[in-house]
Amino acid sequence: MTGKELLYIEDALGHEKYFQTKCCETASQIKDPDLKTCVQQLEQKHQQLFQSFYGLL
């Protein structure tokens, strides 16, 4: 893996962790159960993407 590819993966990991954190924070503040479920699903998706990128390392 080249240095540039490694930097891309590190950047992607940071973005996915950020999105996961923001979804978690947002879901904790939402009152509507349907919307809350949707945001929680987005959080899970970002967690899966993080794991996928991490697996490349």
PDB file of N, CA and C in Angstrom:
ATOM      1  N   MET A   1       0.853  -1.169   0.000  1.00  0.00           N
ATOM      2  CA  MET A   1       0.000   0.000   0.000  1.00  0.00           C
ATOM      3  C   MET A   1       0.904   1.239   0.000  1.00  0.00           C
ATOM      4  N   THR A   2       0.578   2.169  -0.855  1.00  0.00           N
ATOM      5  CA  THR A   2       1.382   3.387  -0.940  1.00  0.00           C
ATOM      6  C   THR A   2       1.048   4.321   0.217  1.00  0.00           C
ATOM      7  N   GLY A   3       1.919   5.276   0.429  1.00  0.00           N
ATOM      8  CA  GLY A   3       1.687   6.265   1.481  1.00  0.00           C
ATOM      9  C   GLY A   3       0.427   7.074   1.230  1.00  0.00           C
ATOM     10  N   LYS A   4       0.187   7.387  -0.028  1.00  0.00           N
ATOM     11  CA  LYS A   4      -1.010   8.159  -0.377  1.00  0.00           C
ATOM     12  C   LYS A   4      -2.280   7.350  -0.101  1.00  0.00           C
ATOM     13  N   GLU A   5      -2.252   6.070  -0.412  1.00  0.00           N
ATOM     14  CA  GLU A   5      -3.414   5.208  -0.131  1.00  0.00           C
ATOM     15  C   GLU A   5      -3.653   5.084   1.368  1.00  0.00           C
ATOM     16  N   LEU A   6      -2.576   4.984   2.130  1.00  0.00           N
ATOM     17  CA  LEU A   6      -2.702   4.908   3.578  1.00  0.00           C
ATOM     18  C   LEU A   6      -3.309   6.190   4.151  1.00  0.00           C
ATOM     19  N   LEU A   7      -2.887   7.328   3.626  1.00  0.00           N
ATOM     20  CA  LEU A   7      -3.457   8.606   4.067  1.00  0.00           C
ATOM     21  C   LEU A   7      -4.943   8.682   3.748  1.00  0.00           C
ATOM     22  N   TYR A   8      -5.331   8.166   2.572  1.00  0.00           N
ATOM     23  CA  TYR A   8      -6.745   8.164   2.200  1.00  0.00           C
ATOM     24  C   TYR A   8      -7.558   7.318   3.183  1.00  0.00           C
ATOM     25  N   ILE A   9      -7.038   6.151   3.526  1.00  0.00           N
ATOM     26  CA  ILE A   9      -7.760   5.270   4.451  1.00  0.00           C
ATOM     27  C   ILE A   9      -7.840   5.897   5.844  1.00  0.00           C
ATOM     28  N   GLU A  10      -6.758   6.530   6.292  1.00  0.00           N
ATOM     29  CA  GLU A  10      -6.786   7.211   7.587  1.00  0.00           C
ATOM     30  C   GLU A  10      -7.828   8.329   7.587  1.00  0.00           C
ATOM     31  N   ASP A  11      -7.900   9.060   6.500  1.00  0.00           N
ATOM     32  CA  ASP A  11      -8.877  10.135   6.373  1.00  0.00           C
ATOM     33  C   ASP A  11     -10.297   9.571   6.389  1.00  0.00           C
ATOM     34  N   ALA A  12     -10.502   8.496   5.658  1.00  0.00           N
ATOM     35  CA  ALA A  12     -11.828   7.860   5.616  1.00  0.00           C
ATOM     36  C   ALA A  12     -12.217   7.336   6.996  1.00  0.00           C
ATOM     37  N   LEU A  13     -11.262   6.763   7.727  1.00  0.00           N
ATOM     38  CA  LEU A  13     -11.540   6.289   9.088  1.00  0.00           C
ATOM     39  C   LEU A  13     -11.997   7.444   9.976  1.00  0.00           C
ATOM     40  N   GLY A  14     -11.308   8.559   9.873  1.00  0.00           N
ATOM     41  CA  GLY A  14     -11.678   9.727  10.667  1.00  0.00           C
ATOM     42  C   GLY A  14     -13.069  10.234  10.338  1.00  0.00           C
ATOM     43  N   HIS A  15     -13.395  10.262   9.056  1.00  0.00           N
ATOM     44  CA  HIS A  15     -14.731  10.725   8.650  1.00  0.00           C
ATOM     45  C   HIS A  15     -15.819   9.784   9.162  1.00  0.00           C
ATOM     46  N   GLU A  16     -15.592   8.498   9.013  1.00  0.00           N
ATOM     47  CA  GLU A  16     -16.611   7.543   9.449  1.00  0.00           C
ATOM     48  C   GLU A  16     -16.804   7.583  10.966  1.00  0.00           C
ATOM     49  N   LYS A  17     -15.714   7.741  11.711  1.00  0.00           N
ATOM     50  CA  LYS A  17     -15.822   7.835  13.173  1.00  0.00           C
ATOM     51  C   LYS A  17     -16.589   9.102  13.560  1.00  0.00           C
ATOM     52  N   TYR A  18     -16.313  10.203  12.856  1.00  0.00           N
ATOM     53  CA  TYR A  18     -17.010  11.460  13.114  1.00  0.00           C
ATOM     54  C   TYR A  18     -18.511  11.312  12.850  1.00  0.00           C
ATOM     55  N   PHE A  19     -18.862  10.734  11.688  1.00  0.00           N
ATOM     56  CA  PHE A  19     -20.279  10.565  11.347  1.00  0.00           C
ATOM     57  C   PHE A  19     -20.975   9.643  12.346  1.00  0.00           C
ATOM     58  N   GLN A  20     -20.291   8.599  12.762  1.00  0.00           N
ATOM     59  CA  GLN A  20     -20.864   7.675  13.740  1.00  0.00           C
ATOM     60  C   GLN A  20     -21.138   8.409  15.057  1.00  0.00           C
ATOM     61  N   THR A  21     -20.187   9.206  15.508  1.00  0.00           N
ATOM     62  CA  THR A  21     -20.343   9.963  16.752  1.00  0.00           C
ATOM     63  C   THR A  21     -21.495  10.955  16.647  1.00  0.00           C
ATOM     64  N   LYS A  22     -21.566  11.676  15.534  1.00  0.00           N
ATOM     65  CA  LYS A  22     -22.631  12.664  15.354  1.00  0.00           C
ATOM     66  C   LYS A  22     -24.007  12.002  15.288  1.00  0.00           C
ATOM     67  N   CYS A  23     -24.098  10.862  14.633  1.00  0.00           N
ATOM     68  CA  CYS A  23     -25.382  10.146  14.576  1.00  0.00           C
ATOM     69  C   CYS A  23     -25.807   9.706  15.973  1.00  0.00           C
ATOM     70  N   CYS A  24     -24.859   9.231  16.757  1.00  0.00           N
ATOM     71  CA  CYS A  24     -25.163   8.801  18.124  1.00  0.00           C
ATOM     72  C   CYS A  24     -25.670   9.979  18.959  1.00  0.00           C
ATOM     73  N   GLU A  25     -24.966  11.097  18.876  1.00  0.00           N
ATOM     74  CA  GLU A  25     -25.375  12.294  19.611  1.00  0.00           C
ATOM     75  C   GLU A  25     -26.760  12.762  19.173  1.00  0.00           C
ATOM     76  N   THR A  26     -26.989  12.767  17.872  1.00  0.00           N
ATOM     77  CA  THR A  26     -28.263  13.231  17.334  1.00  0.00           C
ATOM     78  C   THR A  26     -29.397  12.304  17.735  1.00  0.00           C
ATOM     79  N   ALA A  27     -29.176  10.992  17.628  1.00  0.00           N
ATOM     80  CA  ALA A  27     -30.217  10.029  17.975  1.00  0.00           C
ATOM     81  C   ALA A  27     -30.643  10.173  19.436  1.00  0.00           C
ATOM     82  N   SER A  28     -29.706  10.503  20.297  1.00  0.00           N
ATOM     83  CA  SER A  28     -30.039  10.643  21.718  1.00  0.00           C
ATOM     84  C   SER A  28     -30.940  11.848  21.991  1.00  0.00           C
ATOM     85  N   GLN A  29     -30.996  12.787  21.047  1.00  0.00           N
ATOM     86  CA  GLN A  29     -31.792  14.001  21.228  1.00  0.00           C
ATOM     87  C   GLN A  29     -33.129  13.966  20.494  1.00  0.00           C
ATOM     88  N   ILE A  30     -33.341  12.972  19.660  1.00  0.00           N
ATOM     89  CA  ILE A  30     -34.556  12.919  18.839  1.00  0.00           C
ATOM     90  C   ILE A  30     -35.691  12.269  19.617  1.00  0.00           C
ATOM     91  N   LYS A  31     -36.844  12.879  19.533  1.00  0.00           N
ATOM     92  CA  LYS A  31     -38.030  12.361  20.230  1.00  0.00           C
ATOM     93  C   LYS A  31     -38.862  11.431  19.343  1.00  0.00           C
ATOM     94  N   ASP A  32     -38.946  11.746  18.046  1.00  0.00           N
ATOM     95  CA  ASP A  32     -39.746  10.952  17.122  1.00  0.00           C
ATOM     96  C   ASP A  32     -39.121   9.561  16.959  1.00  0.00           C
ATOM     97  N   PRO A  33     -39.873   8.496  17.289  1.00  0.00           N
ATOM     98  CA  PRO A  33     -39.292   7.150  17.252  1.00  0.00           C
ATOM     99  C   PRO A  33     -38.854   6.689  15.857  1.00  0.00           C
ATOM    100  N   ASP A  34     -39.599   7.052  14.830  1.00  0.00           N
ATOM    101  CA  ASP A  34     -39.232   6.635  13.469  1.00  0.00           C
ATOM    102  C   ASP A  34     -37.944   7.319  13.013  1.00  0.00           C
ATOM    103  N   LEU A  35     -37.849   8.603  13.271  1.00  0.00           N
ATOM    104  CA  LEU A  35     -36.652   9.351  12.898  1.00  0.00           C
ATOM    105  C   LEU A  35     -35.451   8.882  13.713  1.00  0.00           C
ATOM    106  N   LYS A  36     -35.682   8.603  14.990  1.00  0.00           N
ATOM    107  CA  LYS A  36     -34.616   8.115  15.861  1.00  0.00           C
ATOM    108  C   LYS A  36     -34.066   6.784  15.333  1.00  0.00           C
ATOM    109  N   THR A  37     -34.961   5.896  14.920  1.00  0.00           N
ATOM    110  CA  THR A  37     -34.552   4.606  14.364  1.00  0.00           C
ATOM    111  C   THR A  37     -33.728   4.802  13.099  1.00  0.00           C
ATOM    112  N   CYS A  38     -34.148   5.718  12.257  1.00  0.00           N
ATOM    113  CA  CYS A  38     -33.434   6.004  11.013  1.00  0.00           C
ATOM    114  C   CYS A  38     -32.006   6.481  11.307  1.00  0.00           C
ATOM    115  N   VAL A  39     -31.856   7.391  12.251  1.00  0.00           N
ATOM    116  CA  VAL A  39     -30.532   7.917  12.590  1.00  0.00           C
ATOM    117  C   VAL A  39     -29.676   6.823  13.242  1.00  0.00           C
ATOM    118  N   GLN A  40     -30.289   5.970  14.043  1.00  0.00           N
ATOM    119  CA  GLN A  40     -29.545   4.863  14.645  1.00  0.00           C
ATOM    120  C   GLN A  40     -29.061   3.880  13.579  1.00  0.00           C
ATOM    121  N   GLN A  41     -29.851   3.674  12.549  1.00  0.00           N
ATOM    122  CA  GLN A  41     -29.435   2.820  11.444  1.00  0.00           C
ATOM    123  C   GLN A  41     -28.261   3.445  10.689  1.00  0.00           C
ATOM    124  N   LEU A  42     -28.290   4.765  10.538  1.00  0.00           N
ATOM    125  CA  LEU A  42     -27.162   5.463   9.908  1.00  0.00           C
ATOM    126  C   LEU A  42     -25.902   5.302  10.759  1.00  0.00           C
ATOM    127  N   GLU A  43     -26.064   5.372  12.062  1.00  0.00           N
ATOM    128  CA  GLU A  43     -24.924   5.180  12.966  1.00  0.00           C
ATOM    129  C   GLU A  43     -24.317   3.789  12.768  1.00  0.00           C
ATOM    130  N   GLN A  44     -25.175   2.783  12.678  1.00  0.00           N
ATOM    131  CA  GLN A  44     -24.694   1.410  12.470  1.00  0.00           C
ATOM    132  C   GLN A  44     -23.990   1.275  11.129  1.00  0.00           C
ATOM    133  N   LYS A  45     -24.514   1.923  10.107  1.00  0.00           N
ATOM    134  CA  LYS A  45     -23.909   1.865   8.779  1.00  0.00           C
ATOM    135  C   LYS A  45     -22.506   2.483   8.794  1.00  0.00           C
ATOM    136  N   HIS A  46     -22.372   3.615   9.482  1.00  0.00           N
ATOM    137  CA  HIS A  46     -21.058   4.250   9.565  1.00  0.00           C
ATOM    138  C   HIS A  46     -20.087   3.396  10.385  1.00  0.00           C
ATOM    139  N   GLN A  47     -20.605   2.694  11.374  1.00  0.00           N
ATOM    140  CA  GLN A  47     -19.753   1.784  12.150  1.00  0.00           C
ATOM    141  C   GLN A  47     -19.263   0.639  11.256  1.00  0.00           C
ATOM    142  N   GLN A  48     -20.148   0.120  10.413  1.00  0.00           N
ATOM    143  CA  GLN A  48     -19.762  -0.950   9.491  1.00  0.00           C
ATOM    144  C   GLN A  48     -18.723  -0.455   8.483  1.00  0.00           C
ATOM    145  N   LEU A  49     -18.926   0.750   7.968  1.00  0.00           N
ATOM    146  CA  LEU A  49     -17.966   1.317   7.027  1.00  0.00           C
ATOM    147  C   LEU A  49     -16.606   1.529   7.696  1.00  0.00           C
ATOM    148  N   PHE A  50     -16.630   1.994   8.949  1.00  0.00           N
ATOM    149  CA  PHE A  50     -15.383   2.160   9.690  1.00  0.00           C
ATOM    150  C   PHE A  50     -14.652   0.830   9.798  1.00  0.00           C
ATOM    151  N   GLN A  51     -15.380  -0.219  10.163  1.00  0.00           N
ATOM    152  CA  GLN A  51     -14.772  -1.543  10.295  1.00  0.00           C
ATOM    153  C   GLN A  51     -14.220  -2.045   8.956  1.00  0.00           C
ATOM    154  N   SER A  52     -14.919  -1.750   7.888  1.00  0.00           N
ATOM    155  CA  SER A  52     -14.450  -2.153   6.558  1.00  0.00           C
ATOM    156  C   SER A  52     -13.146  -1.467   6.201  1.00  0.00           C
ATOM    157  N   PHE A  53     -13.086  -0.157   6.434  1.00  0.00           N
ATOM    158  CA  PHE A  53     -11.850   0.571   6.161  1.00  0.00           C
ATOM    159  C   PHE A  53     -10.726   0.094   7.076  1.00  0.00           C
ATOM    160  N   TYR A  54     -11.049  -0.126   8.339  1.00  0.00           N
ATOM    161  CA  TYR A  54     -10.046  -0.575   9.308  1.00  0.00           C
ATOM    162  C   TYR A  54      -9.497  -1.946   8.897  1.00  0.00           C
ATOM    163  N   GLY A  55     -10.360  -2.773   8.336  1.00  0.00           N
ATOM    164  CA  GLY A  55      -9.957  -4.088   7.879  1.00  0.00           C
ATOM    165  C   GLY A  55      -8.938  -4.043   6.743  1.00  0.00           C
ATOM    166  N   LEU A  56      -8.902  -2.939   6.025  1.00  0.00           N
ATOM    167  CA  LEU A  56      -7.910  -2.781   4.951  1.00  0.00           C
ATOM    168  C   LEU A  56      -6.494  -2.624   5.488  1.00  0.00           C
ATOM    169  N   LEU A  57      -6.425  -2.213   6.748  1.00  0.00           N
ATOM    170  CA  LEU A  57      -5.101  -2.017   7.348  1.00  0.00           C
ATOM    171  C   LEU A  57      -4.618  -3.349   7.855  1.00  0.00           C
TER     172      LEU A  57
END
